[in-house]
Amino acid sequence: SSSYLDMTRQNMRFSLGIFSFYQGMRLEIGSNWERRFSLKDLEDKWKNNWSIIENQISA
């Protein structure tokens, strides 16, 4: 079970890295890109997935 926890921690770090990269891209690209793609939907999905992960970890 300890190896599973290590994998989970690595996955969390990886996800946070992707998320911070995504936030940086969003700031760089700006509102033109945001008009074409619904970033709000993506963020809501990401946050929902994250809360599911957090619930599984704390369970």
PDB file of N, CA and C in Angstrom:
ATOM      1  N   SER A   1       0.838  -1.209   0.000  1.00  0.00           N
ATOM      2  CA  SER A   1       0.000   0.000   0.000  1.00  0.00           C
ATOM      3  C   SER A   1       0.868   1.253   0.000  1.00  0.00           C
ATOM      4  N   SER A   2       2.111   1.142   0.502  1.00  0.00           N
ATOM      5  CA  SER A   2       2.976   2.323   0.528  1.00  0.00           C
ATOM      6  C   SER A   2       3.358   2.734  -0.890  1.00  0.00           C
ATOM      7  N   SER A   3       3.564   1.749  -1.773  1.00  0.00           N
ATOM      8  CA  SER A   3       3.901   2.083  -3.151  1.00  0.00           C
ATOM      9  C   SER A   3       2.718   2.759  -3.839  1.00  0.00           C
ATOM     10  N   TYR A   4       1.502   2.352  -3.483  1.00  0.00           N
ATOM     11  CA  TYR A   4       0.317   3.003  -4.050  1.00  0.00           C
ATOM     12  C   TYR A   4       0.255   4.461  -3.616  1.00  0.00           C
ATOM     13  N   LEU A   5       0.581   4.702  -2.349  1.00  0.00           N
ATOM     14  CA  LEU A   5       0.582   6.082  -1.850  1.00  0.00           C
ATOM     15  C   LEU A   5       1.639   6.911  -2.568  1.00  0.00           C
ATOM     16  N   ASP A   6       2.817   6.332  -2.797  1.00  0.00           N
ATOM     17  CA  ASP A   6       3.871   7.050  -3.514  1.00  0.00           C
ATOM     18  C   ASP A   6       3.404   7.399  -4.916  1.00  0.00           C
ATOM     19  N   MET A   7       2.754   6.446  -5.591  1.00  0.00           N
ATOM     20  CA  MET A   7       2.247   6.700  -6.936  1.00  0.00           C
ATOM     21  C   MET A   7       1.205   7.816  -6.908  1.00  0.00           C
ATOM     22  N   THR A   8       0.349   7.795  -5.890  1.00  0.00           N
ATOM     23  CA  THR A   8      -0.692   8.816  -5.783  1.00  0.00           C
ATOM     24  C   THR A   8      -0.070  10.189  -5.596  1.00  0.00           C
ATOM     25  N   ARG A   9       0.972  10.261  -4.760  1.00  0.00           N
ATOM     26  CA  ARG A   9       1.644  11.539  -4.548  1.00  0.00           C
ATOM     27  C   ARG A   9       2.281  12.032  -5.834  1.00  0.00           C
ATOM     28  N   GLN A  10       2.901  11.120  -6.569  1.00  0.00           N
ATOM     29  CA  GLN A  10       3.504  11.506  -7.844  1.00  0.00           C
ATOM     30  C   GLN A  10       2.438  12.001  -8.810  1.00  0.00           C
ATOM     31  N   ASN A  11       1.307  11.308  -8.861  1.00  0.00           N
ATOM     32  CA  ASN A  11       0.219  11.727  -9.748  1.00  0.00           C
ATOM     33  C   ASN A  11      -0.313  13.096  -9.348  1.00  0.00           C
ATOM     34  N   MET A  12      -0.397  13.365  -8.050  1.00  0.00           N
ATOM     35  CA  MET A  12      -0.868  14.666  -7.587  1.00  0.00           C
ATOM     36  C   MET A  12       0.104  15.754  -8.012  1.00  0.00           C
ATOM     37  N   ARG A  13       1.409  15.496  -7.849  1.00  0.00           N
ATOM     38  CA  ARG A  13       2.412  16.483  -8.258  1.00  0.00           C
ATOM     39  C   ARG A  13       2.326  16.728  -9.754  1.00  0.00           C
ATOM     40  N   PHE A  14       2.169  15.646 -10.515  1.00  0.00           N
ATOM     41  CA  PHE A  14       2.067  15.743 -11.968  1.00  0.00           C
ATOM     42  C   PHE A  14       0.850  16.581 -12.353  1.00  0.00           C
ATOM     43  N   SER A  15      -0.290  16.309 -11.699  1.00  0.00           N
ATOM     44  CA  SER A  15      -1.522  17.040 -12.001  1.00  0.00           C
ATOM     45  C   SER A  15      -1.370  18.517 -11.661  1.00  0.00           C
ATOM     46  N   LEU A  16      -0.736  18.803 -10.533  1.00  0.00           N
ATOM     47  CA  LEU A  16      -0.540  20.200 -10.154  1.00  0.00           C
ATOM     48  C   LEU A  16       0.376  20.894 -11.147  1.00  0.00           C
ATOM     49  N   GLY A  17       1.388  20.182 -11.643  1.00  0.00           N
ATOM     50  CA  GLY A  17       2.281  20.743 -12.648  1.00  0.00           C
ATOM     51  C   GLY A  17       1.529  21.085 -13.915  1.00  0.00           C
ATOM     52  N   ILE A  18       0.680  20.158 -14.358  1.00  0.00           N
ATOM     53  CA  ILE A  18      -0.112  20.393 -15.564  1.00  0.00           C
ATOM     54  C   ILE A  18      -1.044  21.580 -15.342  1.00  0.00           C
ATOM     55  N   PHE A  19      -1.642  21.662 -14.161  1.00  0.00           N
ATOM     56  CA  PHE A  19      -2.604  22.715 -13.893  1.00  0.00           C
ATOM     57  C   PHE A  19      -1.927  24.083 -13.881  1.00  0.00           C
ATOM     58  N   SER A  20      -0.740  24.173 -13.250  1.00  0.00           N
ATOM     59  CA  SER A  20      -0.049  25.457 -13.217  1.00  0.00           C
ATOM     60  C   SER A  20       0.423  25.848 -14.612  1.00  0.00           C
ATOM     61  N   PHE A  21       0.842  24.850 -15.393  1.00  0.00           N
ATOM     62  CA  PHE A  21       1.212  25.112 -16.785  1.00  0.00           C
ATOM     63  C   PHE A  21       0.004  25.622 -17.561  1.00  0.00           C
ATOM     64  N   TYR A  22      -1.144  24.971 -17.355  1.00  0.00           N
ATOM     65  CA  TYR A  22      -2.373  25.365 -18.035  1.00  0.00           C
ATOM     66  C   TYR A  22      -2.774  26.791 -17.657  1.00  0.00           C
ATOM     67  N   GLN A  23      -2.643  27.124 -16.372  1.00  0.00           N
ATOM     68  CA  GLN A  23      -2.982  28.480 -15.932  1.00  0.00           C
ATOM     69  C   GLN A  23      -2.050  29.501 -16.590  1.00  0.00           C
ATOM     70  N   GLY A  24      -0.755  29.170 -16.684  1.00  0.00           N
ATOM     71  CA  GLY A  24       0.200  30.066 -17.325  1.00  0.00           C
ATOM     72  C   GLY A  24      -0.126  30.252 -18.797  1.00  0.00           C
ATOM     73  N   MET A  25      -0.468  29.155 -19.492  1.00  0.00           N
ATOM     74  CA  MET A  25      -0.845  29.230 -20.892  1.00  0.00           C
ATOM     75  C   MET A  25      -2.063  30.133 -21.051  1.00  0.00           C
ATOM     76  N   ARG A  26      -3.004  29.969 -20.142  1.00  0.00           N
ATOM     77  CA  ARG A  26      -4.236  30.754 -20.219  1.00  0.00           C
ATOM     78  C   ARG A  26      -3.923  32.241 -20.096  1.00  0.00           C
ATOM     79  N   LEU A  27      -3.021  32.596 -19.178  1.00  0.00           N
ATOM     80  CA  LEU A  27      -2.664  34.001 -19.007  1.00  0.00           C
ATOM     81  C   LEU A  27      -1.965  34.532 -20.254  1.00  0.00           C
ATOM     82  N   GLU A  28      -1.075  33.720 -20.851  1.00  0.00           N
ATOM     83  CA  GLU A  28      -0.332  34.165 -22.027  1.00  0.00           C
ATOM     84  C   GLU A  28      -1.249  34.336 -23.229  1.00  0.00           C
ATOM     85  N   ILE A  29      -2.093  33.340 -23.457  1.00  0.00           N
ATOM     86  CA  ILE A  29      -2.909  33.349 -24.668  1.00  0.00           C
ATOM     87  C   ILE A  29      -4.000  34.410 -24.583  1.00  0.00           C
ATOM     88  N   GLY A  30      -4.583  34.543 -23.403  1.00  0.00           N
ATOM     89  CA  GLY A  30      -5.513  35.628 -23.161  1.00  0.00           C
ATOM     90  C   GLY A  30      -6.917  35.380 -23.684  1.00  0.00           C
ATOM     91  N   SER A  31      -7.646  36.493 -23.866  1.00  0.00           N
ATOM     92  CA  SER A  31      -9.091  36.393 -24.045  1.00  0.00           C
ATOM     93  C   SER A  31      -9.481  35.884 -25.426  1.00  0.00           C
ATOM     94  N   ASN A  32      -8.631  36.060 -26.442  1.00  0.00           N
ATOM     95  CA  ASN A  32      -8.985  35.542 -27.764  1.00  0.00           C
ATOM     96  C   ASN A  32      -9.203  34.042 -27.706  1.00  0.00           C
ATOM     97  N   TRP A  33      -8.285  33.346 -27.046  1.00  0.00           N
ATOM     98  CA  TRP A  33      -8.369  31.905 -26.918  1.00  0.00           C
ATOM     99  C   TRP A  33      -9.570  31.523 -26.059  1.00  0.00           C
ATOM    100  N   GLU A  34      -9.805  32.323 -25.040  1.00  0.00           N
ATOM    101  CA  GLU A  34     -10.884  32.009 -24.104  1.00  0.00           C
ATOM    102  C   GLU A  34     -12.240  32.143 -24.775  1.00  0.00           C
ATOM    103  N   ARG A  35     -12.346  32.994 -25.801  1.00  0.00           N
ATOM    104  CA  ARG A  35     -13.617  33.113 -26.517  1.00  0.00           C
ATOM    105  C   ARG A  35     -13.892  31.851 -27.326  1.00  0.00           C
ATOM    106  N   ARG A  36     -12.822  31.236 -27.854  1.00  0.00           N
ATOM    107  CA  ARG A  36     -13.025  30.066 -28.707  1.00  0.00           C
ATOM    108  C   ARG A  36     -13.325  28.811 -27.892  1.00  0.00           C
ATOM    109  N   PHE A  37     -12.660  28.673 -26.746  1.00  0.00           N
ATOM    110  CA  PHE A  37     -12.826  27.463 -25.929  1.00  0.00           C
ATOM    111  C   PHE A  37     -13.406  27.848 -24.575  1.00  0.00           C
ATOM    112  N   SER A  38     -14.288  27.005 -24.100  1.00  0.00           N
ATOM    113  CA  SER A  38     -14.889  27.282 -22.794  1.00  0.00           C
ATOM    114  C   SER A  38     -13.962  26.774 -21.696  1.00  0.00           C
ATOM    115  N   LEU A  39     -13.057  27.641 -21.257  1.00  0.00           N
ATOM    116  CA  LEU A  39     -12.111  27.241 -20.215  1.00  0.00           C
ATOM    117  C   LEU A  39     -12.815  27.031 -18.875  1.00  0.00           C
ATOM    118  N   LYS A  40     -13.926  27.719 -18.687  1.00  0.00           N
ATOM    119  CA  LYS A  40     -14.673  27.541 -17.429  1.00  0.00           C
ATOM    120  C   LYS A  40     -15.106  26.083 -17.285  1.00  0.00           C
ATOM    121  N   ASP A  41     -15.605  25.492 -18.379  1.00  0.00           N
ATOM    122  CA  ASP A  41     -16.023  24.093 -18.323  1.00  0.00           C
ATOM    123  C   ASP A  41     -14.841  23.198 -17.978  1.00  0.00           C
ATOM    124  N   LEU A  42     -13.691  23.476 -18.617  1.00  0.00           N
ATOM    125  CA  LEU A  42     -12.502  22.671 -18.334  1.00  0.00           C
ATOM    126  C   LEU A  42     -12.111  22.801 -16.867  1.00  0.00           C
ATOM    127  N   GLU A  43     -12.148  24.019 -16.348  1.00  0.00           N
ATOM    128  CA  GLU A  43     -11.774  24.230 -14.951  1.00  0.00           C
ATOM    129  C   GLU A  43     -12.725  23.505 -14.011  1.00  0.00           C
ATOM    130  N   ASP A  44     -14.024  23.571 -14.309  1.00  0.00           N
ATOM    131  CA  ASP A  44     -14.997  22.907 -13.443  1.00  0.00           C
ATOM    132  C   ASP A  44     -14.768  21.403 -13.448  1.00  0.00           C
ATOM    133  N   LYS A  45     -14.521  20.836 -14.643  1.00  0.00           N
ATOM    134  CA  LYS A  45     -14.246  19.404 -14.713  1.00  0.00           C
ATOM    135  C   LYS A  45     -13.013  19.056 -13.912  1.00  0.00           C
ATOM    136  N   TRP A  46     -11.952  19.888 -14.053  1.00  0.00           N
ATOM    137  CA  TRP A  46     -10.698  19.620 -13.355  1.00  0.00           C
ATOM    138  C   TRP A  46     -10.918  19.684 -11.851  1.00  0.00           C
ATOM    139  N   LYS A  47     -11.665  20.691 -11.400  1.00  0.00           N
ATOM    140  CA  LYS A  47     -11.913  20.843  -9.965  1.00  0.00           C
ATOM    141  C   LYS A  47     -12.751  19.685  -9.433  1.00  0.00           C
ATOM    142  N   ASN A  48     -13.733  19.236 -10.226  1.00  0.00           N
ATOM    143  CA  ASN A  48     -14.540  18.089  -9.803  1.00  0.00           C
ATOM    144  C   ASN A  48     -13.670  16.858  -9.664  1.00  0.00           C
ATOM    145  N   ASN A  49     -12.800  16.609 -10.658  1.00  0.00           N
ATOM    146  CA  ASN A  49     -11.902  15.462 -10.588  1.00  0.00           C
ATOM    147  C   ASN A  49     -10.989  15.577  -9.377  1.00  0.00           C
ATOM    148  N   TRP A  50     -10.498  16.779  -9.120  1.00  0.00           N
ATOM    149  CA  TRP A  50      -9.578  16.979  -8.006  1.00  0.00           C
ATOM    150  C   TRP A  50     -10.271  16.701  -6.680  1.00  0.00           C
ATOM    151  N   SER A  51     -11.522  17.144  -6.528  1.00  0.00           N
ATOM    152  CA  SER A  51     -12.222  16.909  -5.267  1.00  0.00           C
ATOM    153  C   SER A  51     -12.489  15.423  -5.081  1.00  0.00           C
ATOM    154  N   ILE A  52     -12.741  14.698  -6.187  1.00  0.00           N
ATOM    155  CA  ILE A  52     -12.914  13.249  -6.095  1.00  0.00           C
ATOM    156  C   ILE A  52     -11.619  12.608  -5.609  1.00  0.00           C
ATOM    157  N   ILE A  53     -10.483  13.047  -6.173  1.00  0.00           N
ATOM    158  CA  ILE A  53      -9.169  12.516  -5.763  1.00  0.00           C
ATOM    159  C   ILE A  53      -8.936  12.810  -4.290  1.00  0.00           C
ATOM    160  N   GLU A  54      -9.211  14.059  -3.861  1.00  0.00           N
ATOM    161  CA  GLU A  54      -8.987  14.429  -2.470  1.00  0.00           C
ATOM    162  C   GLU A  54      -9.848  13.584  -1.535  1.00  0.00           C
ATOM    163  N   ASN A  55     -11.100  13.330  -1.938  1.00  0.00           N
ATOM    164  CA  ASN A  55     -11.977  12.505  -1.099  1.00  0.00           C
ATOM    165  C   ASN A  55     -11.437  11.089  -0.974  1.00  0.00           C
ATOM    166  N   GLN A  56     -10.898  10.542  -2.072  1.00  0.00           N
ATOM    167  CA  GLN A  56     -10.350   9.195  -2.028  1.00  0.00           C
ATOM    168  C   GLN A  56      -9.116   9.141  -1.125  1.00  0.00           C
ATOM    169  N   ILE A  57      -8.290  10.195  -1.169  1.00  0.00           N
ATOM    170  CA  ILE A  57      -7.076  10.201  -0.350  1.00  0.00           C
ATOM    171  C   ILE A  57      -7.439  10.284   1.129  1.00  0.00           C
ATOM    172  N   SER A  58      -8.408  11.154   1.461  1.00  0.00           N
ATOM    173  CA  SER A  58      -8.746  11.343   2.872  1.00  0.00           C
ATOM    174  C   SER A  58      -9.587  10.190   3.418  1.00  0.00           C
ATOM    175  N   ALA A  59     -10.196   9.408   2.520  1.00  0.00           N
ATOM    176  CA  ALA A  59     -11.053   8.307   2.968  1.00  0.00           C
ATOM    177  C   ALA A  59     -10.243   7.228   3.681  1.00  0.00           C
TER     178      ALA A  59
END
